[in-house]
Amino acid sequence: MAITATVTPGFTYETGVDITSTNLNQLGKPTVTINELSGTIVTLKSYAAEGVPSASPAGQMIYVTDGNAGAATVAVSDGSNWKVVALGATIG
Protein backbone atom coordinates (compact mmCIF):
# COMPACT_ATOMS: atom_id res chain seq x y z
CA MET A 1 0.00 0.00 0.00
CA ALA A 2 1.46 3.35 -1.01
CA ILE A 3 0.65 6.32 1.18
CA THR A 4 1.42 9.76 -0.15
CA ALA A 5 1.62 12.72 2.20
CA THR A 6 1.39 16.16 0.64
CA VAL A 7 2.63 18.80 3.03
CA THR A 8 3.00 22.55 3.15
CA PRO A 9 4.69 24.08 1.15
CA GLY A 10 4.03 21.44 -1.49
CA PHE A 11 6.53 18.69 -0.71
CA THR A 12 5.37 15.14 -1.42
CA TYR A 13 6.90 12.08 0.26
CA GLU A 14 5.89 8.50 -0.49
CA THR A 15 6.22 5.50 1.81
CA GLY A 16 9.81 4.37 2.12
CA VAL A 17 11.40 7.80 1.64
CA ASP A 18 13.82 8.63 4.44
CA ILE A 19 12.96 11.95 6.03
CA THR A 20 16.13 13.61 7.28
CA SER A 21 16.42 16.38 9.84
CA THR A 22 17.25 18.74 6.98
CA ASN A 23 14.01 18.24 5.03
CA LEU A 24 11.89 17.59 8.14
CA ASN A 25 12.07 21.30 8.98
CA GLN A 26 10.47 22.11 5.60
CA LEU A 27 7.40 19.92 6.05
CA GLY A 28 4.99 22.17 7.91
CA LYS A 29 1.67 20.58 8.94
CA PRO A 30 1.04 17.48 6.81
CA THR A 31 -2.14 16.55 5.03
CA VAL A 32 -2.24 12.83 4.30
CA THR A 33 -4.40 11.55 1.46
CA ILE A 34 -4.92 7.80 1.23
CA ASN A 35 -6.56 6.46 -1.92
CA GLU A 36 -7.16 2.95 -0.63
CA LEU A 37 -6.83 1.32 2.77
CA SER A 38 -7.72 -2.24 3.72
CA GLY A 39 -6.81 -4.92 6.21
CA THR A 40 -6.16 -2.59 9.13
CA ILE A 41 -7.95 -0.74 11.90
CA VAL A 42 -8.04 3.04 11.52
CA THR A 43 -7.99 5.19 14.66
CA LEU A 44 -9.33 8.71 14.20
CA LYS A 45 -7.96 11.63 16.18
CA SER A 46 -10.30 12.31 19.12
CA TYR A 47 -11.64 15.73 20.13
CA ALA A 48 -14.19 17.21 22.51
CA ALA A 49 -16.77 19.34 20.67
CA GLU A 50 -15.34 22.62 21.95
CA GLY A 51 -11.86 21.73 20.71
CA VAL A 52 -12.42 20.55 17.12
CA PRO A 53 -10.02 21.97 14.50
CA SER A 54 -11.00 24.08 11.53
CA ALA A 55 -13.41 22.33 9.15
CA SER A 56 -11.41 23.60 6.17
CA PRO A 57 -10.53 21.88 3.91
CA ALA A 58 -13.54 19.69 3.18
CA GLY A 59 -13.25 15.92 3.49
CA GLN A 60 -11.55 15.65 6.88
CA MET A 61 -12.79 13.06 9.38
CA ILE A 62 -12.51 13.10 13.19
CA TYR A 63 -13.98 11.37 16.25
CA VAL A 64 -15.85 13.73 18.61
CA THR A 65 -16.39 12.42 22.14
CA ASP A 66 -19.48 14.60 22.75
CA GLY A 67 -20.44 15.88 19.29
CA ASN A 68 -23.91 14.40 18.81
CA ALA A 69 -26.06 16.02 21.50
CA GLY A 70 -23.44 14.95 24.06
CA ALA A 71 -22.88 11.49 22.61
CA ALA A 72 -19.77 10.30 20.79
CA THR A 73 -19.80 10.50 17.00
CA VAL A 74 -17.70 10.53 13.88
CA ALA A 75 -17.73 13.88 12.07
CA VAL A 76 -16.86 14.83 8.49
CA SER A 77 -16.09 18.37 7.36
CA ASP A 78 -17.88 20.01 4.45
CA GLY A 79 -15.26 22.74 4.31
CA SER A 80 -17.21 25.08 6.59
CA ASN A 81 -18.73 22.90 9.32
CA TRP A 82 -18.30 19.53 10.98
CA LYS A 83 -21.23 17.21 10.16
CA VAL A 84 -22.33 14.36 12.43
CA VAL A 85 -22.08 10.85 10.99
CA ALA A 86 -24.75 8.86 12.80
CA LEU A 87 -23.44 5.80 14.59
CA GLY A 88 -25.64 2.72 14.47
CA ALA A 89 -26.54 0.16 17.09
CA THR A 90 -23.89 -1.62 19.13
CA ILE A 91 -22.57 -4.79 17.52
CA GLY A 92 -22.91 -7.95 19.42
PDB file of N, CA and C in Angstrom:
ATOM      1  N   MET A   1       0.843  -1.170   0.000  1.00  0.00           N
ATOM      2  CA  MET A   1       0.000   0.000   0.000  1.00  0.00           C
ATOM      3  C   MET A   1       0.891   1.237   0.000  1.00  0.00           C
ATOM      4  N   ALA A   2       0.709   2.105  -0.956  1.00  0.00           N
ATOM      5  CA  ALA A   2       1.462   3.354  -1.008  1.00  0.00           C
ATOM      6  C   ALA A   2       0.647   4.448  -0.338  1.00  0.00           C
ATOM      7  N   ILE A   3       1.284   5.171   0.536  1.00  0.00           N
ATOM      8  CA  ILE A   3       0.647   6.315   1.178  1.00  0.00           C
ATOM      9  C   ILE A   3       1.442   7.546   0.770  1.00  0.00           C
ATOM     10  N   THR A   4       0.766   8.527   0.240  1.00  0.00           N
ATOM     11  CA  THR A   4       1.421   9.765  -0.150  1.00  0.00           C
ATOM     12  C   THR A   4       0.977  10.862   0.784  1.00  0.00           C
ATOM     13  N   ALA A   5       1.923  11.594   1.335  1.00  0.00           N
ATOM     14  CA  ALA A   5       1.615  12.724   2.200  1.00  0.00           C
ATOM     15  C   ALA A   5       2.039  13.994   1.493  1.00  0.00           C
ATOM     16  N   THR A   6       1.094  14.869   1.234  1.00  0.00           N
ATOM     17  CA  THR A   6       1.393  16.159   0.638  1.00  0.00           C
ATOM     18  C   THR A   6       1.396  17.171   1.763  1.00  0.00           C
ATOM     19  N   VAL A   7       2.462  17.900   1.900  1.00  0.00           N
ATOM     20  CA  VAL A   7       2.626  18.796   3.035  1.00  0.00           C
ATOM     21  C   VAL A   7       2.973  20.202   2.573  1.00  0.00           C
ATOM     22  N   THR A   8       2.661  21.152   3.423  1.00  0.00           N
ATOM     23  CA  THR A   8       3.002  22.547   3.146  1.00  0.00           C
ATOM     24  C   THR A   8       4.507  22.687   3.174  1.00  0.00           C
ATOM     25  N   PRO A   9       5.146  23.307   2.294  1.00  0.00           N
ATOM     26  CA  PRO A   9       4.690  24.076   1.149  1.00  0.00           C
ATOM     27  C   PRO A   9       4.774  23.309  -0.169  1.00  0.00           C
ATOM     28  N   GLY A  10       4.137  22.170  -0.237  1.00  0.00           N
ATOM     29  CA  GLY A  10       4.028  21.441  -1.492  1.00  0.00           C
ATOM     30  C   GLY A  10       4.979  20.269  -1.655  1.00  0.00           C
ATOM     31  N   PHE A  11       5.667  19.864  -0.617  1.00  0.00           N
ATOM     32  CA  PHE A  11       6.529  18.690  -0.707  1.00  0.00           C
ATOM     33  C   PHE A  11       5.672  17.434  -0.694  1.00  0.00           C
ATOM     34  N   THR A  12       6.069  16.416  -1.427  1.00  0.00           N
ATOM     35  CA  THR A  12       5.365  15.138  -1.417  1.00  0.00           C
ATOM     36  C   THR A  12       6.370  14.031  -1.110  1.00  0.00           C
ATOM     37  N   TYR A  13       6.058  13.206  -0.112  1.00  0.00           N
ATOM     38  CA  TYR A  13       6.898  12.076   0.261  1.00  0.00           C
ATOM     39  C   TYR A  13       6.062  10.812   0.190  1.00  0.00           C
ATOM     40  N   GLU A  14       6.578   9.777  -0.431  1.00  0.00           N
ATOM     41  CA  GLU A  14       5.894   8.503  -0.494  1.00  0.00           C
ATOM     42  C   GLU A  14       6.499   7.551   0.524  1.00  0.00           C
ATOM     43  N   THR A  15       5.748   6.501   0.867  1.00  0.00           N
ATOM     44  CA  THR A  15       6.217   5.499   1.812  1.00  0.00           C
ATOM     45  C   THR A  15       7.593   4.995   1.399  1.00  0.00           C
ATOM     46  N   GLY A  16       8.476   4.884   2.384  1.00  0.00           N
ATOM     47  CA  GLY A  16       9.809   4.369   2.117  1.00  0.00           C
ATOM     48  C   GLY A  16      10.857   5.443   1.912  1.00  0.00           C
ATOM     49  N   VAL A  17      10.442   6.710   1.809  1.00  0.00           N
ATOM     50  CA  VAL A  17      11.400   7.798   1.643  1.00  0.00           C
ATOM     51  C   VAL A  17      11.912   8.189   3.020  1.00  0.00           C
ATOM     52  N   ASP A  18      13.242   8.204   3.175  1.00  0.00           N
ATOM     53  CA  ASP A  18      13.821   8.629   4.444  1.00  0.00           C
ATOM     54  C   ASP A  18      13.653  10.130   4.606  1.00  0.00           C
ATOM     55  N   ILE A  19      13.129  10.532   5.737  1.00  0.00           N
ATOM     56  CA  ILE A  19      12.965  11.949   6.027  1.00  0.00           C
ATOM     57  C   ILE A  19      14.086  12.339   6.976  1.00  0.00           C
ATOM     58  N   THR A  20      14.973  13.187   6.499  1.00  0.00           N
ATOM     59  CA  THR A  20      16.132  13.613   7.276  1.00  0.00           C
ATOM     60  C   THR A  20      15.791  14.858   8.089  1.00  0.00           C
ATOM     61  N   SER A  21      16.652  15.180   9.036  1.00  0.00           N
ATOM     62  CA  SER A  21      16.419  16.381   9.839  1.00  0.00           C
ATOM     63  C   SER A  21      16.441  17.630   8.969  1.00  0.00           C
ATOM     64  N   THR A  22      17.182  17.595   7.874  1.00  0.00           N
ATOM     65  CA  THR A  22      17.254  18.744   6.975  1.00  0.00           C
ATOM     66  C   THR A  22      15.907  19.013   6.315  1.00  0.00           C
ATOM     67  N   ASN A  23      15.281  17.980   5.710  1.00  0.00           N
ATOM     68  CA  ASN A  23      14.015  18.239   5.033  1.00  0.00           C
ATOM     69  C   ASN A  23      12.820  18.185   5.981  1.00  0.00           C
ATOM     70  N   LEU A  24      12.978  17.631   7.171  1.00  0.00           N
ATOM     71  CA  LEU A  24      11.885  17.594   8.139  1.00  0.00           C
ATOM     72  C   LEU A  24      11.452  19.005   8.533  1.00  0.00           C
ATOM     73  N   ASN A  25      12.387  19.921   8.610  1.00  0.00           N
ATOM     74  CA  ASN A  25      12.072  21.301   8.976  1.00  0.00           C
ATOM     75  C   ASN A  25      11.255  22.013   7.907  1.00  0.00           C
ATOM     76  N   GLN A  26      11.204  21.487   6.701  1.00  0.00           N
ATOM     77  CA  GLN A  26      10.472  22.111   5.605  1.00  0.00           C
ATOM     78  C   GLN A  26       9.038  21.589   5.479  1.00  0.00           C
ATOM     79  N   LEU A  27       8.670  20.601   6.267  1.00  0.00           N
ATOM     80  CA  LEU A  27       7.401  19.921   6.051  1.00  0.00           C
ATOM     81  C   LEU A  27       6.168  20.735   6.397  1.00  0.00           C
ATOM     82  N   GLY A  28       6.211  21.489   7.492  1.00  0.00           N
ATOM     83  CA  GLY A  28       4.993  22.168   7.906  1.00  0.00           C
ATOM     84  C   GLY A  28       4.010  21.167   8.482  1.00  0.00           C
ATOM     85  N   LYS A  29       2.723  21.462   8.440  1.00  0.00           N
ATOM     86  CA  LYS A  29       1.671  20.580   8.945  1.00  0.00           C
ATOM     87  C   LYS A  29       1.195  19.681   7.808  1.00  0.00           C
ATOM     88  N   PRO A  30       1.366  18.358   7.936  1.00  0.00           N
ATOM     89  CA  PRO A  30       1.037  17.484   6.815  1.00  0.00           C
ATOM     90  C   PRO A  30      -0.457  17.231   6.642  1.00  0.00           C
ATOM     91  N   THR A  31      -0.827  17.044   5.399  1.00  0.00           N
ATOM     92  CA  THR A  31      -2.143  16.547   5.026  1.00  0.00           C
ATOM     93  C   THR A  31      -1.906  15.226   4.336  1.00  0.00           C
ATOM     94  N   VAL A  32      -2.461  14.153   4.870  1.00  0.00           N
ATOM     95  CA  VAL A  32      -2.236  12.829   4.302  1.00  0.00           C
ATOM     96  C   VAL A  32      -3.487  12.399   3.540  1.00  0.00           C
ATOM     97  N   THR A  33      -3.304  12.024   2.292  1.00  0.00           N
ATOM     98  CA  THR A  33      -4.405  11.545   1.463  1.00  0.00           C
ATOM     99  C   THR A  33      -4.134  10.092   1.130  1.00  0.00           C
ATOM    100  N   ILE A  34      -5.083   9.233   1.474  1.00  0.00           N
ATOM    101  CA  ILE A  34      -4.924   7.802   1.229  1.00  0.00           C
ATOM    102  C   ILE A  34      -6.009   7.380   0.242  1.00  0.00           C
ATOM    103  N   ASN A  35      -5.599   6.857  -0.887  1.00  0.00           N
ATOM    104  CA  ASN A  35      -6.557   6.462  -1.917  1.00  0.00           C
ATOM    105  C   ASN A  35      -7.261   5.156  -1.589  1.00  0.00           C
ATOM    106  N   GLU A  36      -6.569   4.245  -0.955  1.00  0.00           N
ATOM    107  CA  GLU A  36      -7.165   2.948  -0.626  1.00  0.00           C
ATOM    108  C   GLU A  36      -6.514   2.422   0.637  1.00  0.00           C
ATOM    109  N   LEU A  37      -7.332   1.862   1.521  1.00  0.00           N
ATOM    110  CA  LEU A  37      -6.831   1.316   2.770  1.00  0.00           C
ATOM    111  C   LEU A  37      -7.652   0.082   3.105  1.00  0.00           C
ATOM    112  N   SER A  38      -6.992  -1.029   3.358  1.00  0.00           N
ATOM    113  CA  SER A  38      -7.716  -2.239   3.725  1.00  0.00           C
ATOM    114  C   SER A  38      -6.862  -3.092   4.639  1.00  0.00           C
ATOM    115  N   GLY A  39      -7.514  -3.970   5.374  1.00  0.00           N
ATOM    116  CA  GLY A  39      -6.813  -4.922   6.211  1.00  0.00           C
ATOM    117  C   GLY A  39      -6.212  -4.349   7.474  1.00  0.00           C
ATOM    118  N   THR A  40      -6.693  -3.196   7.917  1.00  0.00           N
ATOM    119  CA  THR A  40      -6.159  -2.593   9.130  1.00  0.00           C
ATOM    120  C   THR A  40      -7.245  -1.802   9.853  1.00  0.00           C
ATOM    121  N   ILE A  41      -7.041  -1.568  11.113  1.00  0.00           N
ATOM    122  CA  ILE A  41      -7.950  -0.740  11.904  1.00  0.00           C
ATOM    123  C   ILE A  41      -7.454   0.697  11.828  1.00  0.00           C
ATOM    124  N   VAL A  42      -8.369   1.624  11.587  1.00  0.00           N
ATOM    125  CA  VAL A  42      -8.039   3.045  11.524  1.00  0.00           C
ATOM    126  C   VAL A  42      -8.503   3.697  12.821  1.00  0.00           C
ATOM    127  N   THR A  43      -7.629   4.458  13.452  1.00  0.00           N
ATOM    128  CA  THR A  43      -7.990   5.190  14.657  1.00  0.00           C
ATOM    129  C   THR A  43      -8.025   6.675  14.326  1.00  0.00           C
ATOM    130  N   LEU A  44      -9.194   7.289  14.484  1.00  0.00           N
ATOM    131  CA  LEU A  44      -9.333   8.713  14.201  1.00  0.00           C
ATOM    132  C   LEU A  44      -8.866   9.538  15.382  1.00  0.00           C
ATOM    133  N   LYS A  45      -8.340  10.715  15.115  1.00  0.00           N
ATOM    134  CA  LYS A  45      -7.965  11.630  16.181  1.00  0.00           C
ATOM    135  C   LYS A  45      -9.236  12.013  16.930  1.00  0.00           C
ATOM    136  N   SER A  46      -9.155  12.069  18.248  1.00  0.00           N
ATOM    137  CA  SER A  46     -10.304  12.308  19.117  1.00  0.00           C
ATOM    138  C   SER A  46     -10.304  13.738  19.653  1.00  0.00           C
ATOM    139  N   TYR A  47     -11.473  14.368  19.634  1.00  0.00           N
ATOM    140  CA  TYR A  47     -11.643  15.731  20.129  1.00  0.00           C
ATOM    141  C   TYR A  47     -12.908  15.830  20.962  1.00  0.00           C
ATOM    142  N   ALA A  48     -12.933  16.781  21.890  1.00  0.00           N
ATOM    143  CA  ALA A  48     -14.185  17.206  22.512  1.00  0.00           C
ATOM    144  C   ALA A  48     -14.770  18.260  21.580  1.00  0.00           C
ATOM    145  N   ALA A  49     -16.087  18.431  21.602  1.00  0.00           N
ATOM    146  CA  ALA A  49     -16.766  19.337  20.669  1.00  0.00           C
ATOM    147  C   ALA A  49     -16.194  20.753  20.698  1.00  0.00           C
ATOM    148  N   GLU A  50     -15.839  21.243  21.874  1.00  0.00           N
ATOM    149  CA  GLU A  50     -15.339  22.617  21.952  1.00  0.00           C
ATOM    150  C   GLU A  50     -13.909  22.761  21.446  1.00  0.00           C
ATOM    151  N   GLY A  51     -13.247  21.659  21.131  1.00  0.00           N
ATOM    152  CA  GLY A  51     -11.858  21.730  20.707  1.00  0.00           C
ATOM    153  C   GLY A  51     -11.589  21.220  19.299  1.00  0.00           C
ATOM    154  N   VAL A  52     -12.637  21.072  18.475  1.00  0.00           N
ATOM    155  CA  VAL A  52     -12.416  20.551  17.123  1.00  0.00           C
ATOM    156  C   VAL A  52     -11.617  21.555  16.288  1.00  0.00           C
ATOM    157  N   PRO A  53     -10.805  21.067  15.356  1.00  0.00           N
ATOM    158  CA  PRO A  53     -10.024  21.965  14.505  1.00  0.00           C
ATOM    159  C   PRO A  53     -10.894  22.610  13.435  1.00  0.00           C
ATOM    160  N   SER A  54     -10.302  23.454  12.638  1.00  0.00           N
ATOM    161  CA  SER A  54     -11.004  24.084  11.526  1.00  0.00           C
ATOM    162  C   SER A  54     -11.585  23.013  10.606  1.00  0.00           C
ATOM    163  N   ALA A  55     -12.760  23.274  10.073  1.00  0.00           N
ATOM    164  CA  ALA A  55     -13.405  22.335   9.153  1.00  0.00           C
ATOM    165  C   ALA A  55     -12.874  22.468   7.729  1.00  0.00           C
ATOM    166  N   SER A  56     -11.995  23.406   7.494  1.00  0.00           N
ATOM    167  CA  SER A  56     -11.412  23.600   6.168  1.00  0.00           C
ATOM    168  C   SER A  56     -10.043  22.927   6.125  1.00  0.00           C
ATOM    169  N   PRO A  57      -9.770  22.124   5.123  1.00  0.00           N
ATOM    170  CA  PRO A  57     -10.526  21.881   3.914  1.00  0.00           C
ATOM    171  C   PRO A  57     -11.586  20.794   4.100  1.00  0.00           C
ATOM    172  N   ALA A  58     -12.485  20.706   3.154  1.00  0.00           N
ATOM    173  CA  ALA A  58     -13.540  19.688   3.184  1.00  0.00           C
ATOM    174  C   ALA A  58     -12.937  18.293   3.071  1.00  0.00           C
ATOM    175  N   GLY A  59     -13.650  17.314   3.633  1.00  0.00           N
ATOM    176  CA  GLY A  59     -13.253  15.918   3.495  1.00  0.00           C
ATOM    177  C   GLY A  59     -12.490  15.347   4.670  1.00  0.00           C
ATOM    178  N   GLN A  60     -12.241  16.146   5.692  1.00  0.00           N
ATOM    179  CA  GLN A  60     -11.549  15.649   6.882  1.00  0.00           C
ATOM    180  C   GLN A  60     -12.514  14.798   7.711  1.00  0.00           C
ATOM    181  N   MET A  61     -11.966  13.905   8.523  1.00  0.00           N
ATOM    182  CA  MET A  61     -12.788  13.064   9.384  1.00  0.00           C
ATOM    183  C   MET A  61     -12.150  12.996  10.767  1.00  0.00           C
ATOM    184  N   ILE A  62     -12.978  13.163  11.810  1.00  0.00           N
ATOM    185  CA  ILE A  62     -12.509  13.101  13.193  1.00  0.00           C
ATOM    186  C   ILE A  62     -13.528  12.342  14.040  1.00  0.00           C
ATOM    187  N   TYR A  63     -13.103  11.978  15.255  1.00  0.00           N
ATOM    188  CA  TYR A  63     -13.982  11.374  16.253  1.00  0.00           C
ATOM    189  C   TYR A  63     -14.224  12.438  17.318  1.00  0.00           C
ATOM    190  N   VAL A  64     -15.508  12.695  17.628  1.00  0.00           N
ATOM    191  CA  VAL A  64     -15.852  13.728  18.614  1.00  0.00           C
ATOM    192  C   VAL A  64     -16.534  13.047  19.790  1.00  0.00           C
ATOM    193  N   THR A  65     -15.927  13.160  20.960  1.00  0.00           N
ATOM    194  CA  THR A  65     -16.394  12.422  22.137  1.00  0.00           C
ATOM    195  C   THR A  65     -17.774  12.847  22.604  1.00  0.00           C
ATOM    196  N   ASP A  66     -18.180  14.082  22.290  1.00  0.00           N
ATOM    197  CA  ASP A  66     -19.476  14.600  22.748  1.00  0.00           C
ATOM    198  C   ASP A  66     -20.159  15.434  21.668  1.00  0.00           C
ATOM    199  N   GLY A  67     -19.993  15.047  20.400  1.00  0.00           N
ATOM    200  CA  GLY A  67     -20.438  15.884  19.292  1.00  0.00           C
ATOM    201  C   GLY A  67     -21.834  15.655  18.775  1.00  0.00           C
ATOM    202  N   ASN A  68     -22.547  14.672  19.280  1.00  0.00           N
ATOM    203  CA  ASN A  68     -23.907  14.402  18.809  1.00  0.00           C
ATOM    204  C   ASN A  68     -24.852  14.507  19.992  1.00  0.00           C
ATOM    205  N   ALA A  69     -25.217  15.744  20.333  1.00  0.00           N
ATOM    206  CA  ALA A  69     -26.064  16.017  21.503  1.00  0.00           C
ATOM    207  C   ALA A  69     -25.463  15.394  22.759  1.00  0.00           C
ATOM    208  N   GLY A  70     -24.140  15.484  22.892  1.00  0.00           N
ATOM    209  CA  GLY A  70     -23.445  14.953  24.061  1.00  0.00           C
ATOM    210  C   GLY A  70     -22.922  13.542  23.901  1.00  0.00           C
ATOM    211  N   ALA A  71     -23.342  12.858  22.847  1.00  0.00           N
ATOM    212  CA  ALA A  71     -22.881  11.490  22.608  1.00  0.00           C
ATOM    213  C   ALA A  71     -21.713  11.480  21.626  1.00  0.00           C
ATOM    214  N   ALA A  72     -20.912  10.440  21.698  1.00  0.00           N
ATOM    215  CA  ALA A  72     -19.768  10.303  20.793  1.00  0.00           C
ATOM    216  C   ALA A  72     -20.241  10.101  19.358  1.00  0.00           C
ATOM    217  N   THR A  73     -19.460  10.630  18.402  1.00  0.00           N
ATOM    218  CA  THR A  73     -19.802  10.504  16.995  1.00  0.00           C
ATOM    219  C   THR A  73     -18.567  10.654  16.127  1.00  0.00           C
ATOM    220  N   VAL A  74     -18.679  10.225  14.912  1.00  0.00           N
ATOM    221  CA  VAL A  74     -17.699  10.529  13.884  1.00  0.00           C
ATOM    222  C   VAL A  74     -18.217  11.779  13.180  1.00  0.00           C
ATOM    223  N   ALA A  75     -17.316  12.668  12.777  1.00  0.00           N
ATOM    224  CA  ALA A  75     -17.725  13.880  12.066  1.00  0.00           C
ATOM    225  C   ALA A  75     -16.885  14.035  10.811  1.00  0.00           C
ATOM    226  N   VAL A  76     -17.512  14.566   9.768  1.00  0.00           N
ATOM    227  CA  VAL A  76     -16.857  14.830   8.491  1.00  0.00           C
ATOM    228  C   VAL A  76     -17.039  16.309   8.176  1.00  0.00           C
ATOM    229  N   SER A  77     -15.980  16.941   7.674  1.00  0.00           N
ATOM    230  CA  SER A  77     -16.088  18.368   7.360  1.00  0.00           C
ATOM    231  C   SER A  77     -16.603  18.571   5.944  1.00  0.00           C
ATOM    232  N   ASP A  78     -17.412  19.621   5.780  1.00  0.00           N
ATOM    233  CA  ASP A  78     -17.877  20.013   4.445  1.00  0.00           C
ATOM    234  C   ASP A  78     -17.109  21.236   3.946  1.00  0.00           C
ATOM    235  N   GLY A  79     -16.064  21.585   4.659  1.00  0.00           N
ATOM    236  CA  GLY A  79     -15.258  22.738   4.307  1.00  0.00           C
ATOM    237  C   GLY A  79     -15.564  23.948   5.167  1.00  0.00           C
ATOM    238  N   SER A  80     -16.784  23.975   5.731  1.00  0.00           N
ATOM    239  CA  SER A  80     -17.205  25.080   6.592  1.00  0.00           C
ATOM    240  C   SER A  80     -17.606  24.612   7.984  1.00  0.00           C
ATOM    241  N   ASN A  81     -18.213  23.428   8.058  1.00  0.00           N
ATOM    242  CA  ASN A  81     -18.725  22.903   9.322  1.00  0.00           C
ATOM    243  C   ASN A  81     -18.406  21.420   9.451  1.00  0.00           C
ATOM    244  N   TRP A  82     -18.421  20.960  10.703  1.00  0.00           N
ATOM    245  CA  TRP A  82     -18.302  19.530  10.976  1.00  0.00           C
ATOM    246  C   TRP A  82     -19.698  18.939  10.994  1.00  0.00           C
ATOM    247  N   LYS A  83     -19.928  17.862  10.252  1.00  0.00           N
ATOM    248  CA  LYS A  83     -21.227  17.213  10.157  1.00  0.00           C
ATOM    249  C   LYS A  83     -21.199  15.877  10.879  1.00  0.00           C
ATOM    250  N   VAL A  84     -22.210  15.600  11.681  1.00  0.00           N
ATOM    251  CA  VAL A  84     -22.330  14.355  12.426  1.00  0.00           C
ATOM    252  C   VAL A  84     -22.561  13.191  11.474  1.00  0.00           C
ATOM    253  N   VAL A  85     -21.828  12.114  11.689  1.00  0.00           N
ATOM    254  CA  VAL A  85     -22.078  10.853  10.989  1.00  0.00           C
ATOM    255  C   VAL A  85     -22.741   9.961  12.018  1.00  0.00           C
ATOM    256  N   ALA A  86     -23.993   9.642  11.816  1.00  0.00           N
ATOM    257  CA  ALA A  86     -24.754   8.864  12.802  1.00  0.00           C
ATOM    258  C   ALA A  86     -24.138   7.500  13.006  1.00  0.00           C
ATOM    259  N   LEU A  87     -23.945   7.130  14.255  1.00  0.00           N
ATOM    260  CA  LEU A  87     -23.440   5.797  14.589  1.00  0.00           C
ATOM    261  C   LEU A  87     -24.620   4.883  14.821  1.00  0.00           C
ATOM    262  N   GLY A  88     -24.539   3.667  14.343  1.00  0.00           N
ATOM    263  CA  GLY A  88     -25.636   2.717  14.469  1.00  0.00           C
ATOM    264  C   GLY A  88     -25.649   2.014  15.819  1.00  0.00           C
ATOM    265  N   ALA A  89     -26.411   0.948  15.870  1.00  0.00           N
ATOM    266  CA  ALA A  89     -26.545   0.159  17.092  1.00  0.00           C
ATOM    267  C   ALA A  89     -25.235  -0.540  17.429  1.00  0.00           C
ATOM    268  N   THR A  90     -25.079  -0.899  18.677  1.00  0.00           N
ATOM    269  CA  THR A  90     -23.888  -1.618  19.128  1.00  0.00           C
ATOM    270  C   THR A  90     -23.857  -3.002  18.522  1.00  0.00           C
ATOM    271  N   ILE A  91     -22.669  -3.442  18.070  1.00  0.00           N
ATOM    272  CA  ILE A  91     -22.566  -4.793  17.525  1.00  0.00           C
ATOM    273  C   ILE A  91     -22.611  -5.794  18.662  1.00  0.00           C
ATOM    274  N   GLY A  92     -22.926  -6.973  18.366  1.00  0.00           N
ATOM    275  CA  GLY A  92     -22.909  -7.949  19.422  1.00  0.00           C
ATOM    276  C   GLY A  92     -23.783  -9.049  19.160  1.00  0.00           C
TER     277      GLY A  92
END
